[in-house]
N, C-alpha and C. Protein backbone atom coordinates (compact mmCIF):
# COMPACT_ATOMS: atom_id res chain seq x y z
N MET A 1 104.16 137.30 162.31
CA MET A 1 103.42 137.88 161.19
C MET A 1 103.41 136.93 160.01
N SER A 2 103.98 135.60 160.43
CA SER A 2 104.06 134.68 159.10
C SER A 2 102.61 134.01 158.90
N VAL A 3 101.76 134.08 159.77
CA VAL A 3 100.46 133.48 159.59
C VAL A 3 99.52 134.38 158.65
N MET A 4 100.10 135.34 158.18
CA MET A 4 99.35 136.29 157.29
C MET A 4 99.19 135.96 156.01
N PHE A 5 99.72 134.64 155.55
CA PHE A 5 99.66 134.29 154.18
C PHE A 5 98.88 133.36 153.67
N LEU A 6 97.89 132.71 154.48
CA LEU A 6 96.88 131.81 154.11
C LEU A 6 95.47 132.74 153.89
N PRO A 7 94.35 132.17 153.41
CA PRO A 7 93.27 133.01 153.06
C PRO A 7 92.75 133.35 154.69
N LEU A 8 93.13 134.47 154.81
CA LEU A 8 93.08 134.87 156.35
C LEU A 8 91.63 135.25 156.77
N ARG A 9 90.86 135.40 155.73
CA ARG A 9 89.28 135.82 156.09
C ARG A 9 88.90 134.37 156.64
N LEU A 10 89.35 133.31 156.50
CA LEU A 10 88.96 131.98 156.91
C LEU A 10 89.44 131.55 158.28
N ILE A 11 90.71 132.36 158.68
CA ILE A 11 91.36 131.97 160.07
C ILE A 11 90.95 133.07 160.98
N PRO A 12 90.38 132.67 162.14
CA PRO A 12 90.06 133.73 163.07
C PRO A 12 91.46 134.54 163.61
N VAL A 13 91.40 135.57 163.99
CA VAL A 13 92.36 136.43 164.43
C VAL A 13 93.18 135.70 165.59
N PRO A 14 92.29 135.28 166.48
CA PRO A 14 92.87 134.62 167.84
C PRO A 14 93.77 133.49 167.34
N LEU A 15 93.43 132.76 166.56
CA LEU A 15 94.30 131.58 165.94
C LEU A 15 95.65 132.37 165.24
N GLN A 16 95.62 133.31 164.58
CA GLN A 16 96.65 133.82 164.03
C GLN A 16 97.64 134.17 165.19
N CYS A 17 96.97 134.63 166.27
CA CYS A 17 97.80 135.10 167.30
C CYS A 17 98.65 134.04 168.01
N VAL A 18 97.97 132.82 168.27
CA VAL A 18 98.40 131.63 168.77
C VAL A 18 99.64 131.30 167.99
N VAL A 19 99.41 131.21 166.62
CA VAL A 19 100.69 130.67 165.70
C VAL A 19 101.65 131.67 165.77
N LEU A 20 101.53 132.92 165.61
CA LEU A 20 102.52 133.81 165.68
C LEU A 20 103.35 133.77 167.01
N ALA A 21 102.65 133.96 168.02
CA ALA A 21 103.14 133.93 169.37
C ALA A 21 104.03 132.61 169.54
N SER A 22 103.48 131.38 169.19
CA SER A 22 104.19 130.15 169.41
C SER A 22 105.67 130.21 168.60
N VAL A 23 105.54 130.60 167.42
CA VAL A 23 106.73 130.64 166.59
C VAL A 23 107.76 131.74 167.38
N LEU A 24 107.38 132.95 167.59
CA LEU A 24 108.26 133.95 168.09
C LEU A 24 108.92 133.46 169.61
N GLN A 25 107.99 132.97 170.27
CA GLN A 25 108.46 132.51 171.57
C GLN A 25 109.49 131.32 171.64
N LEU A 26 109.29 130.39 170.72
CA LEU A 26 110.11 129.19 170.60
C LEU A 26 111.39 129.85 169.94
N PHE A 27 111.39 130.70 168.98
CA PHE A 27 112.65 131.29 168.41
C PHE A 27 113.36 132.03 169.40
N PHE A 28 112.71 132.98 170.10
CA PHE A 28 113.51 133.75 171.23
C PHE A 28 114.21 133.02 172.38
N SER A 29 113.31 132.09 172.59
CA SER A 29 113.89 131.14 173.74
C SER A 29 115.14 130.28 173.45
N GLY A 30 115.30 130.21 172.24
CA GLY A 30 116.36 129.28 171.85
C GLY A 30 117.63 130.25 171.39
N ASN A 31 117.55 131.63 171.63
CA ASN A 31 118.44 132.45 170.93
C ASN A 31 118.87 133.61 171.93
N ASP A 32 119.97 133.33 172.81
CA ASP A 32 120.33 134.15 173.81
C ASP A 32 120.96 135.68 173.31
N LYS A 33 121.14 135.65 171.95
CA LYS A 33 121.73 136.90 171.43
C LYS A 33 120.83 138.11 171.57
N PHE A 34 119.37 137.57 171.59
CA PHE A 34 118.27 138.55 171.71
C PHE A 34 118.14 139.00 172.95
N THR A 35 118.71 138.54 174.08
CA THR A 35 118.33 138.88 175.40
C THR A 35 118.35 140.48 175.61
N ASP A 36 119.42 141.01 175.23
CA ASP A 36 119.48 142.53 175.59
C ASP A 36 118.31 143.30 174.75
N THR A 37 118.03 142.83 173.51
CA THR A 37 117.23 143.36 172.69
C THR A 37 115.73 143.32 173.20
N LEU A 38 115.26 142.06 173.66
CA LEU A 38 114.07 141.93 174.46
C LEU A 38 114.02 142.77 175.66
N GLU A 39 115.09 142.90 176.50
CA GLU A 39 114.94 143.72 177.64
C GLU A 39 114.77 145.26 177.36
N ALA A 40 115.44 145.62 176.13
CA ALA A 40 115.26 146.96 175.63
C ALA A 40 113.64 147.24 175.19
N MET A 41 113.15 146.12 174.89
CA MET A 41 111.63 146.14 174.37
C MET A 41 110.82 146.05 175.55
N GLU A 42 111.05 145.80 176.65
CA GLU A 42 110.19 145.44 177.81
C GLU A 42 109.16 146.41 178.15
N GLY A 43 107.98 146.10 178.11
CA GLY A 43 106.76 146.82 178.23
C GLY A 43 106.06 147.53 177.10
N LYS A 44 106.77 147.44 176.10
CA LYS A 44 106.31 147.90 174.72
C LYS A 44 105.41 147.12 174.06
N VAL A 45 104.42 147.85 173.43
CA VAL A 45 103.26 147.11 172.52
C VAL A 45 103.24 147.74 171.33
N PHE A 46 103.05 146.81 170.35
CA PHE A 46 103.03 147.12 168.96
C PHE A 46 101.66 146.66 168.28
N ARG A 47 101.13 147.63 167.72
CA ARG A 47 99.79 147.29 166.90
C ARG A 47 100.05 147.07 165.34
N VAL A 48 99.66 145.88 165.01
CA VAL A 48 100.08 145.35 163.66
C VAL A 48 98.57 145.38 162.88
N TYR A 49 98.50 146.08 161.92
CA TYR A 49 97.21 146.21 161.04
C TYR A 49 97.63 145.74 159.56
N ILE A 50 96.83 144.76 159.06
CA ILE A 50 96.99 144.07 157.80
C ILE A 50 95.82 144.71 157.08
N LYS A 51 96.27 145.64 156.06
CA LYS A 51 95.22 146.58 155.35
C LYS A 51 94.28 145.70 154.70
N ASP A 52 94.62 144.70 153.89
CA ASP A 52 93.70 144.02 152.92
C ASP A 52 92.80 143.00 153.51
N THR A 53 93.15 142.63 154.84
CA THR A 53 92.20 141.62 155.53
C THR A 53 91.54 142.26 156.67
N GLY A 54 92.00 143.50 157.14
CA GLY A 54 91.40 144.10 158.14
C GLY A 54 91.77 143.61 159.63
N ALA A 55 92.54 142.62 159.57
CA ALA A 55 93.18 142.06 160.95
C ALA A 55 94.08 143.00 161.62
N VAL A 56 93.76 143.06 163.00
CA VAL A 56 94.52 143.74 164.03
C VAL A 56 95.04 142.69 164.99
N LEU A 57 96.55 142.78 165.11
CA LEU A 57 97.17 142.04 166.27
C LEU A 57 97.98 143.04 167.03
N PHE A 58 98.09 142.68 168.36
CA PHE A 58 98.91 143.26 169.03
C PHE A 58 100.17 142.47 169.67
N ILE A 59 101.40 142.99 169.47
CA ILE A 59 102.70 142.12 169.90
C ILE A 59 103.33 142.94 170.98
N GLY A 60 103.40 142.20 172.21
CA GLY A 60 103.94 143.02 173.21
C GLY A 60 105.13 142.26 173.85
N PHE A 61 106.07 142.82 174.57
CA PHE A 61 107.23 142.31 175.22
C PHE A 61 107.10 142.50 176.81
N LYS A 62 107.25 141.31 177.43
CA LYS A 62 107.27 141.28 178.94
C LYS A 62 107.99 140.23 179.37
N HIS A 63 108.99 140.57 180.55
CA HIS A 63 109.62 139.52 181.25
C HIS A 63 110.56 138.73 180.24
N GLY A 64 110.96 139.34 179.15
CA GLY A 64 111.90 138.74 178.36
C GLY A 64 111.24 137.79 177.41
N SER A 65 109.77 137.95 177.26
CA SER A 65 109.11 137.02 176.32
C SER A 65 108.35 137.88 175.36
N VAL A 66 107.54 137.04 174.56
CA VAL A 66 106.82 137.95 173.49
C VAL A 66 105.38 137.36 173.76
N TRP A 67 104.23 138.10 173.66
CA TRP A 67 102.97 137.93 173.67
C TRP A 67 102.27 138.41 172.45
N VAL A 68 101.10 137.55 171.94
CA VAL A 68 100.52 138.18 170.75
C VAL A 68 99.05 138.03 171.05
N HIS A 69 98.27 139.10 171.21
CA HIS A 69 96.89 139.00 171.33
C HIS A 69 96.08 139.84 170.40
N PRO A 70 94.78 139.41 170.14
CA PRO A 70 93.80 140.05 169.24
C PRO A 70 93.52 141.66 169.65
N SER A 71 93.73 141.93 171.13
CA SER A 71 93.48 143.12 171.64
C SER A 71 94.38 143.50 172.79
N SER A 72 94.46 144.74 173.21
CA SER A 72 95.31 145.06 174.19
C SER A 72 94.64 146.30 175.08
N GLU A 73 94.83 146.44 176.23
CA GLU A 73 94.22 147.59 176.94
C GLU A 73 95.28 148.77 176.99
N GLN A 74 96.58 148.25 176.90
CA GLN A 74 97.75 149.16 176.79
C GLN A 74 97.64 149.94 175.34
N ARG A 75 97.84 151.37 175.39
CA ARG A 75 98.02 152.06 174.39
C ARG A 75 99.28 151.66 173.50
N PRO A 76 99.05 151.19 172.21
CA PRO A 76 100.48 150.94 171.66
C PRO A 76 101.42 151.98 171.48
N ASP A 77 102.57 151.56 171.64
CA ASP A 77 103.73 152.49 171.40
C ASP A 77 103.94 152.78 169.84
N VAL A 78 103.92 151.64 169.06
CA VAL A 78 104.16 151.77 167.62
C VAL A 78 103.11 151.12 166.85
N LYS A 79 102.54 151.76 165.89
CA LYS A 79 101.66 151.05 164.88
C LYS A 79 102.09 150.73 163.80
N ILE A 80 102.07 149.39 163.29
CA ILE A 80 102.68 148.85 162.02
C ILE A 80 101.87 148.43 161.13
N GLU A 81 101.74 148.92 159.99
CA GLU A 81 100.82 148.67 158.88
C GLU A 81 101.37 148.38 157.44
N SER A 82 100.83 147.34 156.88
CA SER A 82 101.23 146.74 155.73
C SER A 82 100.01 145.99 154.94
N THR A 83 100.30 145.21 153.94
CA THR A 83 99.43 144.47 153.30
C THR A 83 99.89 143.03 153.47
N THR A 84 99.04 142.05 153.19
CA THR A 84 99.43 140.59 153.54
C THR A 84 100.86 140.44 152.41
N ALA A 85 100.86 141.00 151.26
CA ALA A 85 101.91 140.67 150.66
C ALA A 85 103.26 141.48 151.02
N GLY A 86 103.03 142.55 151.64
CA GLY A 86 104.04 143.39 152.35
C GLY A 86 104.60 142.73 153.31
N PHE A 87 103.82 141.99 154.34
CA PHE A 87 104.36 141.17 155.49
C PHE A 87 105.11 139.95 154.83
N ALA A 88 104.64 139.53 153.82
CA ALA A 88 105.33 138.26 153.11
C ALA A 88 106.73 138.70 152.73
N ARG A 89 106.71 139.94 152.11
CA ARG A 89 108.09 140.40 151.69
C ARG A 89 109.14 140.46 152.77
N LEU A 90 108.55 141.00 153.87
CA LEU A 90 109.32 141.08 155.02
C LEU A 90 109.93 139.82 155.57
N CYS A 91 108.88 138.83 156.01
CA CYS A 91 109.18 137.66 156.68
C CYS A 91 109.80 136.62 155.73
N PHE A 92 109.20 136.37 154.67
CA PHE A 92 109.61 135.25 153.71
C PHE A 92 110.74 135.54 152.63
N ALA A 93 110.45 136.78 152.09
CA ALA A 93 111.31 137.26 151.05
C ALA A 93 112.58 137.83 151.80
N LYS A 94 112.58 138.12 153.08
CA LYS A 94 113.72 138.81 153.85
C LYS A 94 114.10 139.98 153.37
N GLU A 95 113.18 140.94 152.76
CA GLU A 95 113.59 142.18 152.21
C GLU A 95 113.91 143.03 153.56
N ASP A 96 114.61 144.08 153.27
CA ASP A 96 115.20 144.73 154.29
C ASP A 96 114.17 145.75 154.75
N PRO A 97 113.85 145.72 156.07
CA PRO A 97 112.77 146.47 156.68
C PRO A 97 112.89 148.00 156.35
N ASP A 98 114.15 148.51 156.51
CA ASP A 98 114.32 150.01 156.15
C ASP A 98 113.79 150.15 154.81
N ALA A 99 114.20 149.45 153.80
CA ALA A 99 113.77 149.65 152.40
C ALA A 99 112.38 149.50 152.18
N LEU A 100 111.55 148.63 153.01
CA LEU A 100 110.21 148.57 152.81
C LEU A 100 109.57 149.81 153.37
N VAL A 101 110.08 150.34 154.49
CA VAL A 101 109.74 151.54 155.10
C VAL A 101 109.77 152.80 154.09
N PHE A 102 111.05 152.67 153.52
CA PHE A 102 111.20 153.82 152.44
C PHE A 102 110.27 153.72 151.44
N GLN A 103 110.21 152.64 150.87
CA GLN A 103 109.12 152.34 149.86
C GLN A 103 107.76 152.59 150.26
N LYS A 104 107.24 152.73 151.39
CA LYS A 104 106.00 152.77 151.97
C LYS A 104 105.27 151.69 151.88
N VAL A 105 105.93 150.41 151.83
CA VAL A 105 105.17 149.28 151.83
C VAL A 105 104.89 148.82 153.16
N LEU A 106 105.82 149.11 154.21
CA LEU A 106 105.69 149.00 155.51
C LEU A 106 105.62 150.43 156.26
N LYS A 107 104.50 150.66 156.90
CA LYS A 107 104.26 151.93 157.59
C LYS A 107 104.56 151.94 159.12
N LEU A 108 105.35 152.73 159.65
CA LEU A 108 105.46 152.80 161.12
C LEU A 108 105.19 154.04 161.60
N SER A 109 104.53 154.09 162.71
CA SER A 109 104.15 155.40 163.40
C SER A 109 104.08 155.23 164.78
N GLY A 110 104.46 156.31 165.61
CA GLY A 110 104.54 156.20 166.96
C GLY A 110 105.66 156.69 167.69
N ASP A 111 105.96 156.25 168.90
CA ASP A 111 107.08 156.67 169.52
C ASP A 111 108.47 156.33 168.69
N SER A 112 109.17 157.38 168.54
CA SER A 112 110.48 157.27 167.65
C SER A 112 111.35 156.22 168.29
N GLU A 113 111.62 156.21 169.54
CA GLU A 113 112.69 155.32 169.93
C GLU A 113 112.29 153.85 169.85
N SER A 114 110.91 153.71 170.21
CA SER A 114 110.39 152.26 169.98
C SER A 114 110.37 151.82 168.64
N MET A 115 110.36 152.76 167.58
CA MET A 115 110.19 152.43 166.20
C MET A 115 111.64 152.06 165.77
N LEU A 116 112.76 152.60 166.16
CA LEU A 116 114.06 152.34 165.83
C LEU A 116 114.38 151.06 166.45
N ARG A 117 114.05 150.68 167.78
CA ARG A 117 114.18 149.35 168.40
C ARG A 117 113.79 148.32 167.53
N PHE A 118 112.36 148.58 167.25
CA PHE A 118 111.65 147.59 166.59
C PHE A 118 112.31 147.32 165.05
N GLN A 119 112.90 148.23 164.35
CA GLN A 119 113.30 148.25 163.09
C GLN A 119 114.65 147.45 163.24
N LYS A 120 115.38 147.79 164.40
CA LYS A 120 116.76 147.07 164.67
C LYS A 120 116.47 145.51 164.95
N LEU A 121 115.43 145.28 165.66
CA LEU A 121 114.95 143.96 165.90
C LEU A 121 114.68 143.13 164.79
N LEU A 122 113.97 143.95 163.76
CA LEU A 122 113.64 143.16 162.33
C LEU A 122 114.95 142.86 161.53
N ALA A 123 115.94 143.92 161.64
CA ALA A 123 117.03 143.67 160.78
C ALA A 123 117.96 142.63 161.34
N GLU A 124 117.86 142.36 162.67
CA GLU A 124 118.70 141.32 163.23
C GLU A 124 117.91 140.01 163.30
N LEU A 125 116.70 139.99 162.87
CA LEU A 125 115.91 138.68 163.15
C LEU A 125 116.09 137.93 161.83
N ASP A 126 117.15 137.08 161.95
CA ASP A 126 117.35 136.00 160.92
C ASP A 126 116.61 134.88 161.19
N LEU A 127 115.27 134.92 160.97
CA LEU A 127 114.41 133.88 161.20
C LEU A 127 113.94 133.11 159.93
N ASP A 128 114.02 131.99 159.90
CA ASP A 128 113.43 131.07 158.78
C ASP A 128 112.10 130.76 159.24
N TRP A 129 111.23 131.61 158.52
CA TRP A 129 109.82 131.34 158.96
C TRP A 129 109.41 129.84 158.66
N GLU A 130 109.51 129.41 157.37
CA GLU A 130 109.23 128.15 157.07
C GLU A 130 109.66 127.05 158.10
N LEU A 131 110.81 127.13 158.21
CA LEU A 131 111.53 126.16 159.18
C LEU A 131 110.90 126.35 160.53
N GLU A 132 110.68 127.46 161.10
CA GLU A 132 110.06 127.73 162.47
C GLU A 132 108.58 127.13 162.43
N LEU A 133 107.87 127.52 161.37
CA LEU A 133 106.62 126.88 161.30
C LEU A 133 106.43 125.34 161.26
N ARG A 134 107.37 124.85 160.47
CA ARG A 134 107.44 123.41 160.33
C ARG A 134 107.73 122.76 161.78
N ARG A 135 108.81 123.38 162.61
CA ARG A 135 109.20 122.83 163.84
C ARG A 135 107.97 122.96 164.89
N THR A 136 107.20 124.08 164.73
CA THR A 136 106.23 124.39 165.67
C THR A 136 104.97 123.42 165.45
N PHE A 137 104.47 123.57 163.98
CA PHE A 137 103.20 122.91 163.86
C PHE A 137 103.09 121.86 162.69
N GLY A 138 104.35 121.46 162.30
CA GLY A 138 104.40 120.29 161.40
C GLY A 138 104.66 120.82 160.05
N ASP A 139 104.99 119.75 159.23
CA ASP A 139 105.55 120.17 157.77
C ASP A 139 104.36 120.56 156.83
N PHE A 140 103.17 119.95 157.03
CA PHE A 140 102.17 120.16 156.23
C PHE A 140 101.66 121.83 156.40
N PHE A 141 101.60 122.04 157.59
CA PHE A 141 101.09 123.62 157.78
C PHE A 141 102.15 124.39 157.27
N GLY A 142 103.42 124.39 157.78
CA GLY A 142 104.57 124.94 157.43
C GLY A 142 104.84 125.26 155.88
N GLN A 143 104.59 124.07 155.27
CA GLN A 143 104.72 124.28 153.80
C GLN A 143 103.59 125.07 152.93
N LYS A 144 102.49 124.84 153.75
CA LYS A 144 101.21 125.56 153.13
C LYS A 144 101.36 127.05 153.29
N VAL A 145 101.92 127.52 154.35
CA VAL A 145 101.98 128.92 154.61
C VAL A 145 103.03 129.56 153.83
N ALA A 146 104.24 128.95 153.86
CA ALA A 146 105.48 129.21 152.98
C ALA A 146 104.98 129.28 151.47
N LYS A 147 104.32 128.39 151.00
CA LYS A 147 104.11 128.31 149.68
C LYS A 147 103.10 129.58 149.21
N ALA A 148 102.22 129.86 150.20
CA ALA A 148 101.23 130.89 149.92
C ALA A 148 101.95 132.33 149.78
N ALA A 149 102.83 132.29 150.83
CA ALA A 149 103.95 133.53 151.05
C ALA A 149 104.55 133.82 149.82
N TYR A 150 105.38 132.68 149.24
CA TYR A 150 106.23 132.82 148.07
C TYR A 150 105.31 133.32 146.87
N ALA A 151 104.13 132.66 146.96
CA ALA A 151 103.22 133.06 145.86
C ALA A 151 102.78 134.57 145.75
N LEU A 152 102.47 135.07 146.95
CA LEU A 152 102.19 136.31 147.14
C LEU A 152 103.34 137.39 146.75
N VAL A 153 104.49 136.98 147.08
CA VAL A 153 105.79 137.89 146.80
C VAL A 153 105.97 137.85 145.30
N ALA A 154 105.75 136.69 144.66
CA ALA A 154 105.98 136.57 143.18
C ALA A 154 104.92 137.20 142.31
N ALA A 155 103.65 137.23 143.03
CA ALA A 155 102.59 137.90 142.23
C ALA A 155 102.60 139.38 142.50
N GLU A 156 103.10 139.85 143.55
CA GLU A 156 103.44 141.33 143.66
C GLU A 156 104.51 141.84 142.82
N GLN A 157 105.54 141.06 142.83
CA GLN A 157 106.63 141.33 141.90
C GLN A 157 106.21 141.40 140.41
N ASN A 158 105.34 140.54 139.98
CA ASN A 158 104.91 140.60 138.61
C ASN A 158 104.17 141.69 138.38
N VAL A 159 103.33 142.04 139.30
CA VAL A 159 102.48 143.31 139.21
C VAL A 159 103.19 144.50 139.15
N ARG A 160 104.35 144.85 139.96
CA ARG A 160 105.36 145.90 139.65
C ARG A 160 105.97 145.87 138.38
N GLN A 161 106.69 144.73 138.05
CA GLN A 161 107.04 144.82 136.77
C GLN A 161 106.29 145.07 135.67
N THR A 162 104.96 144.43 135.75
CA THR A 162 103.91 144.75 134.62
C THR A 162 103.48 146.24 134.60
N SER A 163 103.35 146.91 135.80
CA SER A 163 102.96 148.35 135.85
C SER A 163 104.38 149.07 135.25
N THR A 164 105.42 148.81 135.62
CA THR A 164 106.53 149.53 135.04
C THR A 164 106.69 149.32 133.57
N GLN A 165 106.52 148.37 132.94
CA GLN A 165 106.39 148.01 131.63
C GLN A 165 105.19 148.76 130.81
N LEU A 166 104.20 148.81 131.46
CA LEU A 166 103.15 149.77 130.89
C LEU A 166 103.35 151.11 130.98
N VAL A 167 104.03 151.58 131.92
CA VAL A 167 104.38 153.08 132.08
C VAL A 167 105.44 153.30 130.90
N ASP A 168 106.31 152.46 130.67
CA ASP A 168 107.27 152.69 129.77
C ASP A 168 106.82 152.61 128.33
N ASP A 169 105.82 151.81 128.10
CA ASP A 169 105.10 151.56 126.77
C ASP A 169 104.35 152.83 126.62
N CYS A 170 103.57 153.40 127.53
CA CYS A 170 102.92 154.60 127.29
C CYS A 170 103.84 155.81 127.04
N LEU A 171 104.87 155.79 127.72
CA LEU A 171 105.78 157.11 127.27
C LEU A 171 106.36 156.87 126.12
N ARG A 172 106.59 155.64 125.79
CA ARG A 172 107.16 155.46 124.00
C ARG A 172 106.03 155.80 123.18
N ASN A 173 104.73 155.52 123.41
CA ASN A 173 103.65 155.82 122.38
C ASN A 173 103.46 157.24 122.32
N ILE A 174 103.65 157.95 123.39
CA ILE A 174 103.46 159.53 123.26
C ILE A 174 104.72 160.19 122.86
N ASN A 175 105.67 159.41 122.27
CA ASN A 175 106.89 160.18 121.72
C ASN A 175 107.53 160.83 122.93
N THR A 176 107.81 160.30 123.89
CA THR A 176 108.63 160.92 125.13
C THR A 176 109.95 160.93 124.56
N PRO A 177 110.70 162.14 124.56
CA PRO A 177 112.10 162.20 124.16
C PRO A 177 112.99 161.30 124.81
N SER A 178 114.01 160.76 124.18
CA SER A 178 115.12 159.92 124.69
C SER A 178 116.09 160.88 125.49
N ALA A 179 117.07 160.20 126.12
CA ALA A 179 117.93 160.96 126.97
C ALA A 179 118.68 161.82 125.99
N GLU A 180 118.91 161.09 124.84
CA GLU A 180 119.77 162.00 123.91
C GLU A 180 119.12 163.29 123.43
N ARG A 181 117.81 163.15 123.05
CA ARG A 181 117.15 164.21 122.53
C ARG A 181 116.78 165.28 123.47
N LEU A 182 116.74 164.99 124.89
CA LEU A 182 116.60 165.82 125.90
C LEU A 182 117.95 166.62 126.07
N GLN A 183 119.05 165.93 125.96
CA GLN A 183 120.35 166.74 126.03
C GLN A 183 120.26 167.83 124.86
N LEU A 184 120.09 167.35 123.74
CA LEU A 184 120.02 168.34 122.54
C LEU A 184 119.04 169.55 122.80
N TRP A 185 117.81 169.04 123.25
CA TRP A 185 116.95 170.02 123.61
C TRP A 185 117.42 171.12 124.63
N GLN A 186 118.13 170.55 125.70
CA GLN A 186 118.47 171.42 126.85
C GLN A 186 119.62 172.49 126.17
N ALA A 187 120.56 171.95 125.39
CA ALA A 187 121.53 172.55 124.70
C ALA A 187 120.93 173.71 123.85
N GLY A 188 119.97 173.40 123.18
CA GLY A 188 119.43 174.40 122.45
C GLY A 188 118.78 175.44 123.20
N VAL A 189 118.06 175.12 124.19
CA VAL A 189 117.45 176.17 125.14
C VAL A 189 118.62 177.00 125.73
N GLU A 190 119.83 176.40 126.14
CA GLU A 190 120.93 177.27 126.70
C GLU A 190 121.51 178.23 125.75
N SER A 191 121.52 177.61 124.40
CA SER A 191 122.07 178.46 123.30
C SER A 191 121.02 179.70 123.14
N ALA A 192 119.76 179.56 123.09
CA ALA A 192 118.92 180.46 122.74
C ALA A 192 118.91 181.50 124.08
N SER A 193 119.22 180.99 125.26
CA SER A 193 119.19 182.04 126.41
C SER A 193 120.31 182.88 126.20
N ARG A 194 121.51 182.28 125.74
CA ARG A 194 122.69 183.10 125.82
C ARG A 194 122.48 184.22 124.45
N LYS A 195 121.87 183.91 123.70
CA LYS A 195 121.55 184.92 122.45
C LYS A 195 120.55 185.97 122.84
N VAL A 196 119.61 185.49 123.81
CA VAL A 196 118.54 186.37 124.15
C VAL A 196 119.39 187.47 125.16
N ALA A 197 120.16 186.82 126.11
CA ALA A 197 121.02 187.86 126.90
C ALA A 197 121.82 188.73 126.31
N LYS A 198 122.48 188.43 125.04
CA LYS A 198 123.30 189.12 124.25
C LYS A 198 122.49 190.24 123.72
N MET A 199 121.28 189.85 123.11
CA MET A 199 120.52 190.81 122.40
C MET A 199 120.09 191.82 123.51
N GLN A 200 119.80 191.42 124.68
CA GLN A 200 119.33 192.22 125.82
C GLN A 200 120.46 193.47 126.12
N ARG A 201 121.74 192.88 126.25
CA ARG A 201 122.91 193.89 126.30
C ARG A 201 122.95 194.91 125.33
N HIS A 202 122.76 194.57 123.99
CA HIS A 202 122.63 195.37 123.00
C HIS A 202 121.59 196.51 123.04
N LEU A 203 120.26 195.99 123.37
CA LEU A 203 119.30 196.77 123.57
C LEU A 203 119.49 197.84 124.81
N ASP A 204 120.16 197.66 125.84
CA ASP A 204 120.43 198.33 126.99
C ASP A 204 121.41 199.33 126.53
N LYS A 205 122.43 199.01 125.77
CA LYS A 205 123.42 199.89 125.19
C LYS A 205 122.68 201.09 124.16
N VAL A 206 121.92 200.49 123.44
CA VAL A 206 121.13 201.47 122.51
C VAL A 206 120.39 202.47 123.24
N GLU A 207 119.58 201.99 124.11
CA GLU A 207 118.92 202.66 125.05
C GLU A 207 119.57 203.96 125.81
N ARG A 208 120.74 203.46 126.41
CA ARG A 208 121.59 204.31 127.07
C ARG A 208 122.03 205.51 126.08
N LEU A 209 122.52 205.14 124.82
CA LEU A 209 122.86 206.09 123.80
C LEU A 209 121.81 207.06 123.54
N LEU A 210 120.64 206.73 123.28
CA LEU A 210 119.35 207.41 123.00
C LEU A 210 119.28 208.35 124.15
N GLN A 211 119.38 208.10 125.50
CA GLN A 211 119.14 208.57 126.61
C GLN A 211 120.14 209.83 126.58
N GLN A 212 121.44 209.68 126.31
CA GLN A 212 122.58 210.43 126.13
C GLN A 212 122.11 211.51 125.07
N GLN A 213 121.77 211.13 124.14
CA GLN A 213 121.56 212.08 122.89
C GLN A 213 120.22 213.07 123.31
N THR A 214 119.23 212.43 123.96
CA THR A 214 118.31 213.33 124.45
C THR A 214 118.65 214.37 125.45
N SER A 215 119.50 213.99 126.34
CA SER A 215 120.15 214.69 127.39
C SER A 215 120.81 216.08 126.67
N LEU A 216 121.86 215.61 125.57
CA LEU A 216 122.32 216.49 124.89
C LEU A 216 121.44 217.66 124.23
N LYS A 217 120.50 217.25 123.80
CA LYS A 217 119.49 218.09 122.89
C LYS A 217 118.83 219.12 123.82
N SER A 218 118.76 218.45 124.92
CA SER A 218 117.71 219.40 126.03
C SER A 218 118.57 220.23 126.61
């Protein structure tokens, strides 16, 4: 997914697949600790959809290796969906995949067991994408991709912070009560409720007395 950080509309999806497959195959071939994980993923296919570019990639696991193609005849076990920035946060900023799923930045759907295995793989995948890209395709390409990825992460973070600040400013402008004022308001409501309940008890008592007097007169 590391190739998702260049101007992707200028890069054919098949080339993206070649880059991604090359990095993953080189990484997994040099890490025996993933042997069991890869065996558990045997025969599984994952459909990756990048919303802002419309690109679709298929990642599959076969014979302890990884393949990446622009299409697949096999029905995907899991569908993975995010934006370019979302994948940048996952791969380069190394944000927790579970947190990204919880924030709905990363969306997974499909077979539950396969999704759990994939999330486990992502959590264990301590992969330095910039380093691996440099190893596989040279410093120039690796630097370009990494620089674009970090810029995307920074830009999205700035947007989130700006949005939060705008919301805070709007709330202040409409005189949204502070926590202290809310506590005082809540205390006032509780006090009024107690007074209403007390008054209701008095009314009930008066009503019973009136009923008794009416019964005596009759």
